[in-house]
Amino acid sequence: MDLREGQRFVVLRDVEAYCFVGETPMLSELRRVTVRPGEILVVTFVSRSESSTVSMRPHRYEALEAEFVDADIRSKGGYSGYHLVINRVLIDERCRLLAE
């Protein structure tokens, strides 16, 4: 499936994702997280079409932040947020595109 920025998907089955946590302008942490059914994900960045992953932001970004990012990291002065990177195959298999 061709993906483009702004598309919205609803998660139908658990989706494993990589969560990039920005701790300072030069440092980020990578952790694995699970996005649960019912969550809505928005495509934020699509690299080359042959890339196996896509960057996404949960619609409920703030609500999921405490689940995906430890409180001590969120309280640091350099914390700049998080974003999810998900395998395209999982988007195809476990998510449904919402009407635009």
C-alpha atoms as a PDB file:
ATOM      1  CA  MET A   1       0.000   0.000   0.000  1.00  0.00           C
ATOM      2  CA  ASP A   2       1.271   3.460  -0.832  1.00  0.00           C
ATOM      3  CA  LEU A   3       1.371   5.552   2.310  1.00  0.00           C
ATOM      4  CA  ARG A   4       1.343   9.333   2.533  1.00  0.00           C
ATOM      5  CA  GLU A   5       1.519  11.876   5.302  1.00  0.00           C
ATOM      6  CA  GLY A   6      -1.765  12.580   7.062  1.00  0.00           C
ATOM      7  CA  GLN A   7      -3.395   9.196   6.428  1.00  0.00           C
ATOM      8  CA  ARG A   8      -5.137   7.807   9.497  1.00  0.00           C
ATOM      9  CA  PHE A   9      -5.310   4.141  10.481  1.00  0.00           C
ATOM     10  CA  VAL A  10      -7.188   2.377  13.253  1.00  0.00           C
ATOM     11  CA  VAL A  11      -5.335  -0.456  14.972  1.00  0.00           C
ATOM     12  CA  LEU A  12      -7.274  -3.749  14.785  1.00  0.00           C
ATOM     13  CA  ARG A  13      -4.752  -6.028  16.543  1.00  0.00           C
ATOM     14  CA  ASP A  14      -1.723  -5.302  18.740  1.00  0.00           C
ATOM     15  CA  VAL A  15       1.035  -3.583  16.766  1.00  0.00           C
ATOM     16  CA  GLU A  16       4.644  -3.694  17.916  1.00  0.00           C
ATOM     17  CA  ALA A  17       6.446  -0.414  17.264  1.00  0.00           C
ATOM     18  CA  TYR A  18       9.751   1.286  17.922  1.00  0.00           C
ATOM     19  CA  CYS A  19       9.327   4.381  20.046  1.00  0.00           C
ATOM     20  CA  PHE A  20      11.985   7.070  19.527  1.00  0.00           C
ATOM     21  CA  VAL A  21      12.175   9.289  22.604  1.00  0.00           C
ATOM     22  CA  GLY A  22      13.924  12.646  22.152  1.00  0.00           C
ATOM     23  CA  GLU A  23      15.919  13.373  25.313  1.00  0.00           C
ATOM     24  CA  THR A  24      18.129  16.198  24.026  1.00  0.00           C
ATOM     25  CA  PRO A  25      18.771  17.648  20.575  1.00  0.00           C
ATOM     26  CA  MET A  26      21.600  15.133  20.131  1.00  0.00           C
ATOM     27  CA  LEU A  27      20.311  12.141  22.100  1.00  0.00           C
ATOM     28  CA  SER A  28      17.318   9.893  21.696  1.00  0.00           C
ATOM     29  CA  GLU A  29      16.348   6.569  23.207  1.00  0.00           C
ATOM     30  CA  LEU A  30      14.791   3.681  21.344  1.00  0.00           C
ATOM     31  CA  ARG A  31      12.337   1.304  23.004  1.00  0.00           C
ATOM     32  CA  ARG A  32       9.780  -1.257  21.886  1.00  0.00           C
ATOM     33  CA  VAL A  33       6.134  -0.538  22.647  1.00  0.00           C
ATOM     34  CA  THR A  34       2.797  -2.118  21.819  1.00  0.00           C
ATOM     35  CA  VAL A  35      -0.010  -0.069  20.311  1.00  0.00           C
ATOM     36  CA  ARG A  36      -3.361  -1.570  21.333  1.00  0.00           C
ATOM     37  CA  PRO A  37      -6.494  -2.140  19.232  1.00  0.00           C
ATOM     38  CA  GLY A  38      -8.718   0.895  18.840  1.00  0.00           C
ATOM     39  CA  GLU A  39      -5.877   3.429  18.770  1.00  0.00           C
ATOM     40  CA  ILE A  40      -5.694   5.718  15.767  1.00  0.00           C
ATOM     41  CA  LEU A  41      -2.318   6.347  14.158  1.00  0.00           C
ATOM     42  CA  VAL A  42      -1.511   9.203  11.790  1.00  0.00           C
ATOM     43  CA  VAL A  43       1.266   8.906   9.204  1.00  0.00           C
ATOM     44  CA  THR A  44       3.782  11.693   9.889  1.00  0.00           C
ATOM     45  CA  PHE A  45       6.673  10.807   7.622  1.00  0.00           C
ATOM     46  CA  VAL A  46       7.129   8.434   4.714  1.00  0.00           C
ATOM     47  CA  SER A  47      10.663   7.905   3.505  1.00  0.00           C
ATOM     48  CA  ARG A  48      11.568   6.140   0.293  1.00  0.00           C
ATOM     49  CA  SER A  49       8.842   3.910  -1.084  1.00  0.00           C
ATOM     50  CA  GLU A  50      11.080   0.870  -0.635  1.00  0.00           C
ATOM     51  CA  SER A  51      11.564   1.580   3.079  1.00  0.00           C
ATOM     52  CA  SER A  52      10.112  -1.131   5.303  1.00  0.00           C
ATOM     53  CA  THR A  53       8.995   1.315   8.024  1.00  0.00           C
ATOM     54  CA  VAL A  54       6.883   4.442   8.416  1.00  0.00           C
ATOM     55  CA  SER A  55       6.800   7.134  11.115  1.00  0.00           C
ATOM     56  CA  MET A  56       3.458   7.606  12.879  1.00  0.00           C
ATOM     57  CA  ARG A  57       1.940   9.658  15.678  1.00  0.00           C
ATOM     58  CA  PRO A  58      -0.869   8.361  17.879  1.00  0.00           C
ATOM     59  CA  HIS A  59      -4.033  10.476  17.729  1.00  0.00           C
ATOM     60  CA  ARG A  60      -4.075  10.251  21.533  1.00  0.00           C
ATOM     61  CA  TYR A  61      -0.422  11.380  21.714  1.00  0.00           C
ATOM     62  CA  GLU A  62      -0.591  12.985  25.149  1.00  0.00           C
ATOM     63  CA  ALA A  63      -2.664  10.188  26.690  1.00  0.00           C
ATOM     64  CA  LEU A  64      -0.182   7.528  25.566  1.00  0.00           C
ATOM     65  CA  GLU A  65       2.913   9.542  26.423  1.00  0.00           C
ATOM     66  CA  ALA A  66       3.014   8.321  30.041  1.00  0.00           C
ATOM     67  CA  GLU A  67       2.726   4.713  28.850  1.00  0.00           C
ATOM     68  CA  PHE A  68       5.483   5.007  26.241  1.00  0.00           C
ATOM     69  CA  VAL A  69       7.917   7.434  27.960  1.00  0.00           C
ATOM     70  CA  ASP A  70       9.175   7.163  31.550  1.00  0.00           C
ATOM     71  CA  ALA A  71       8.295  10.029  33.895  1.00  0.00           C
ATOM     72  CA  ASP A  72      11.960  10.812  34.665  1.00  0.00           C
ATOM     73  CA  ILE A  73      12.686  11.324  30.950  1.00  0.00           C
ATOM     74  CA  ARG A  74       9.537  13.455  30.428  1.00  0.00           C
ATOM     75  CA  SER A  75      10.607  15.742  33.268  1.00  0.00           C
ATOM     76  CA  LYS A  76      14.060  16.453  31.797  1.00  0.00           C
ATOM     77  CA  GLY A  77      14.639  19.876  30.301  1.00  0.00           C
ATOM     78  CA  GLY A  78      15.785  18.481  26.952  1.00  0.00           C
ATOM     79  CA  TYR A  79      12.825  16.161  26.401  1.00  0.00           C
ATOM     80  CA  SER A  80      11.346  16.827  22.965  1.00  0.00           C
ATOM     81  CA  GLY A  81       8.637  14.172  22.657  1.00  0.00           C
ATOM     82  CA  TYR A  82       8.359  10.800  20.972  1.00  0.00           C
ATOM     83  CA  HIS A  83       7.361   9.245  17.695  1.00  0.00           C
ATOM     84  CA  LEU A  84       6.619   5.725  16.562  1.00  0.00           C
ATOM     85  CA  VAL A  85       8.240   3.813  13.736  1.00  0.00           C
ATOM     86  CA  ILE A  86       6.218   0.841  12.534  1.00  0.00           C
ATOM     87  CA  ASN A  87       6.865  -1.867   9.983  1.00  0.00           C
ATOM     88  CA  ARG A  88       4.699  -1.367   6.893  1.00  0.00           C
ATOM     89  CA  VAL A  89       3.721  -5.045   6.901  1.00  0.00           C
ATOM     90  CA  LEU A  90       2.108  -4.589  10.326  1.00  0.00           C
ATOM     91  CA  ILE A  91       0.172  -1.573   9.053  1.00  0.00           C
ATOM     92  CA  ASP A  92      -1.173  -3.708   6.190  1.00  0.00           C
ATOM     93  CA  GLU A  93      -1.953  -6.730   8.387  1.00  0.00           C
ATOM     94  CA  ARG A  94      -3.200  -5.176  11.622  1.00  0.00           C
ATOM     95  CA  CYS A  95      -4.608  -1.764  10.774  1.00  0.00           C
ATOM     96  CA  ARG A  96      -7.404  -0.357   8.620  1.00  0.00           C
ATOM     97  CA  LEU A  97      -7.232   2.887   6.678  1.00  0.00           C
ATOM     98  CA  LEU A  98      -9.859   5.374   7.809  1.00  0.00           C
ATOM     99  CA  ALA A  99     -11.814   7.379   5.246  1.00  0.00           C
ATOM    100  CA  GLU A 100     -10.095  10.621   4.346  1.00  0.00           C
END
